[in-house]
Protein backbone atom coordinates (compact mmCIF):
# COMPACT_ATOMS: atom_id res chain seq x y z
CA MET A 1 29.47 13.43 -1.55
CA ALA A 2 31.67 15.68 -3.69
CA ASP A 3 35.38 15.87 -3.07
CA ALA A 4 36.68 19.08 -1.59
CA PRO A 5 38.63 21.18 -4.08
CA ARG A 6 42.34 20.48 -4.00
CA PRO A 7 44.45 23.41 -2.83
CA PRO A 8 46.77 24.83 -5.48
CA SER A 9 50.23 23.32 -5.61
CA SER A 10 53.04 25.30 -4.11
CA ILE A 11 55.57 26.94 -6.37
CA VAL A 12 58.23 24.62 -4.92
CA SER A 13 56.29 21.50 -5.92
CA ILE A 14 55.61 22.91 -9.40
CA VAL A 15 59.33 23.62 -9.84
CA ALA A 16 60.21 20.06 -8.83
CA TYR A 17 57.52 18.72 -11.15
CA GLY A 18 58.93 20.77 -14.04
CA PHE A 19 62.46 19.50 -13.50
CA GLN A 20 61.22 15.90 -13.28
CA LEU A 21 59.20 16.26 -16.49
CA SER A 22 62.11 17.90 -18.30
CA THR A 23 64.39 15.01 -17.36
CA SER A 24 61.80 12.45 -18.49
CA LEU A 25 61.41 14.17 -21.87
CA GLU A 26 65.17 14.28 -22.39
CA THR A 27 65.42 10.60 -21.50
CA TYR A 28 62.76 9.79 -24.08
CA ALA A 29 64.36 12.01 -26.73
CA GLU A 30 67.63 10.12 -26.31
CA GLY A 31 65.90 6.83 -27.05
CA TYR A 32 63.65 8.00 -29.87
CA SER A 33 65.49 9.65 -32.74
CA GLY A 34 62.38 10.90 -34.55
CA SER A 35 61.48 13.30 -31.78
CA LYS A 36 64.78 14.55 -30.50
CA GLU A 37 64.69 18.18 -31.58
CA LYS A 38 61.11 18.98 -30.58
CA LEU A 39 61.26 17.13 -27.28
CA TYR A 40 64.62 18.71 -26.46
CA ASP A 41 63.20 22.16 -27.20
CA LEU A 42 60.18 21.53 -24.99
CA SER A 43 62.37 20.03 -22.29
CA ALA A 44 64.67 23.07 -22.36
CA ASP A 45 61.73 25.47 -22.09
CA ILE A 46 60.27 23.52 -19.17
CA SER A 47 63.64 23.42 -17.41
CA ALA A 48 64.30 27.14 -17.94
CA THR A 49 60.83 28.03 -16.70
CA ALA A 50 61.22 25.85 -13.62
CA ALA A 51 64.61 27.42 -12.86
CA ALA A 52 63.20 30.95 -13.14
CA LEU A 53 60.22 29.98 -10.97
CA MET A 54 62.67 28.69 -8.37
CA GLN A 55 64.40 32.08 -8.31
CA LEU A 56 61.03 33.81 -7.91
CA GLN A 57 60.16 31.43 -5.07
CA HIS A 58 63.33 32.54 -3.28
CA VAL A 59 62.18 36.17 -3.60
CA VAL A 60 58.73 35.27 -2.25
CA GLU A 61 60.25 33.36 0.69
CA SER A 62 62.62 36.23 1.44
CA ASP A 63 59.70 38.67 1.45
CA ARG A 64 57.70 36.45 3.79
CA ALA A 65 60.64 36.34 6.18
CA THR A 66 60.80 40.17 6.19
CA PRO A 67 58.51 41.64 8.85
CA GLY A 68 57.93 45.13 7.40
CA THR A 69 56.14 45.91 4.16
CA SER A 70 58.49 48.75 3.22
CA THR A 71 61.39 46.41 2.47
CA LYS A 72 59.45 43.75 0.57
CA VAL A 73 60.40 43.26 -3.05
CA LEU A 74 56.96 42.07 -4.16
CA LYS A 75 53.54 43.44 -3.40
CA ASP A 76 50.73 40.99 -2.68
CA GLU A 77 49.57 41.39 -6.28
CA GLY A 78 53.03 40.41 -7.51
CA VAL A 79 53.04 37.27 -5.37
CA GLN A 80 49.57 36.41 -6.66
CA GLU A 81 50.74 36.88 -10.28
CA ILE A 82 53.69 34.55 -9.66
CA GLU A 83 51.39 31.94 -8.14
CA ASN A 84 49.03 32.27 -11.12
CA VAL A 85 51.85 31.80 -13.62
CA ALA A 86 53.11 28.81 -11.63
CA ALA A 87 49.62 27.30 -11.80
CA GLN A 88 49.63 27.81 -15.58
CA CYS A 89 52.96 25.98 -15.75
CA GLU A 90 51.52 23.10 -13.76
CA LYS A 91 48.60 22.79 -16.20
CA ILE A 92 50.96 22.70 -19.16
CA TYR A 93 53.19 20.12 -17.46
CA LYS A 94 50.16 17.90 -16.82
CA THR A 95 49.06 18.28 -20.43
CA VAL A 96 52.50 17.22 -21.68
CA VAL A 97 52.40 14.09 -19.55
CA ILE A 98 48.91 13.22 -20.76
CA ILE A 99 49.59 13.68 -24.48
CA VAL A 100 52.93 11.86 -24.41
CA SER A 101 51.16 9.02 -22.63
CA LYS A 102 48.35 8.99 -25.19
CA ALA A 103 50.85 8.96 -28.04
CA GLY A 104 51.94 5.42 -27.15
CA THR A 105 51.61 2.81 -29.88
CA THR A 106 48.17 1.46 -30.74
CA ALA A 107 49.04 -1.74 -28.88
CA ASN A 108 49.13 0.36 -25.72
CA LYS A 109 46.04 2.39 -26.61
CA GLY A 110 43.71 2.67 -23.68
CA LYS A 111 46.40 1.70 -21.16
CA SER A 112 47.53 4.55 -19.01
CA ALA A 113 51.23 5.23 -18.94
CA VAL A 114 50.58 7.94 -16.41
CA ASP A 115 50.47 7.74 -12.65
CA PHE A 116 47.51 10.03 -11.90
CA GLY A 117 48.14 11.31 -8.43
CA ASP A 118 47.98 15.00 -7.66
CA LEU A 119 50.65 15.49 -10.30
CA PRO A 120 50.66 12.93 -13.13
CA VAL A 121 54.10 11.65 -14.09
CA LEU A 122 55.34 9.55 -16.96
CA LYS A 123 56.05 6.00 -15.91
CA PRO A 124 59.54 4.87 -16.89
CA SER A 125 58.06 2.14 -19.09
CA SER A 126 56.28 4.78 -21.20
CA LEU A 127 59.57 6.42 -22.09
CA PHE A 128 60.62 3.50 -24.25
CA ARG A 129 57.47 3.11 -26.32
CA ASP A 130 57.24 4.14 -29.91
CA LEU A 131 55.10 7.23 -30.14
CA ARG A 132 52.56 8.04 -32.81
CA TRP A 133 54.68 10.99 -33.84
CA ALA A 134 52.30 12.17 -36.58
CA TRP A 135 49.62 12.57 -33.89
CA LEU A 136 51.96 13.94 -31.23
CA ASN A 137 53.98 16.43 -33.31
CA PRO A 138 51.32 19.16 -33.75
CA ARG A 139 50.37 18.88 -30.08
CA ILE A 140 53.98 19.23 -28.97
CA LYS A 141 54.37 22.29 -31.22
CA ARG A 142 51.28 23.92 -29.72
CA ILE A 143 52.34 23.14 -26.15
CA ASP A 144 55.86 24.40 -26.82
CA GLU A 145 54.41 27.71 -28.05
CA GLN A 146 52.33 27.98 -24.89
CA MET A 147 55.34 27.07 -22.77
CA ARG A 148 57.43 29.79 -24.43
CA TRP A 149 54.77 32.42 -23.60
CA ILE A 150 54.61 31.24 -20.00
CA LYS A 151 58.41 31.25 -19.84
CA MET A 152 58.39 34.88 -21.00
CA LYS A 153 55.87 35.75 -18.26
CA VAL A 154 58.04 34.08 -15.63
CA LEU A 155 61.18 35.80 -16.91
CA LEU A 156 59.38 39.17 -16.97
CA ASN A 157 58.29 38.69 -13.36
CA LEU A 158 61.85 37.72 -12.43
CA GLN A 159 63.24 40.86 -14.09
CA LEU A 160 60.64 43.02 -12.32
CA ALA A 161 61.61 41.46 -8.99
CA GLU A 162 65.30 42.09 -9.71
CA LEU A 163 64.55 45.70 -10.63
CA ALA A 164 62.57 46.15 -7.40
CA LYS A 165 65.52 44.74 -5.42
CA VAL A 166 67.85 47.28 -7.05
CA GLN A 167 65.48 50.13 -6.25
CA LEU A 168 65.20 49.02 -2.63
CA GLY A 169 68.93 49.20 -2.52
C-alpha cells in the first residue's frame, strides 16, 4: 500500500526550519576554518529569506483574519505564489542538509548524519566532522546561487505586499 502524499509544510514551519539550518551552518563555520566564508554567506541568505517569509506569513495571517475581500492585501494568487516560493525554500534547505551530511569524511561515508523526518536536520555530531570541502564547495556555490534567486523572489513578494498595503491606505 502506497503512502498518502504528505501535505505541504506551512510557511511557519519552513521559516523555523530555515532559522534552525542557518544556525547549524554558522555553528559549523565557526569550527571549520576552511569553509567559513561560503557557509556564512549561505547561512545569511537562508536567514534573510526565512525572515522575509515570516513577514509575508504575517500578511497572509492578517488577510485570513479579515472577513471582506476588499481590504485584503493579497489575492488568492499572491498567497499561492508565497506558498510556492516557501516550498522552494524548503527543498533548498533539505538539499543543504543532505549535501553537508554527505560531505562528511570518508570514515563516515555511508553513515547518515541527518535525521530524516519530515524535515531533515543536521545532527549536532555532524557539525564537528571534517568535510570533503573539494566535493562540497561547488555544490554550496550552486545552492547559494539558487538561494539568492529565491531570496529575491521572497523580497519581491514582500515589496509587492507592502505596496498593496500602502494603496489600501
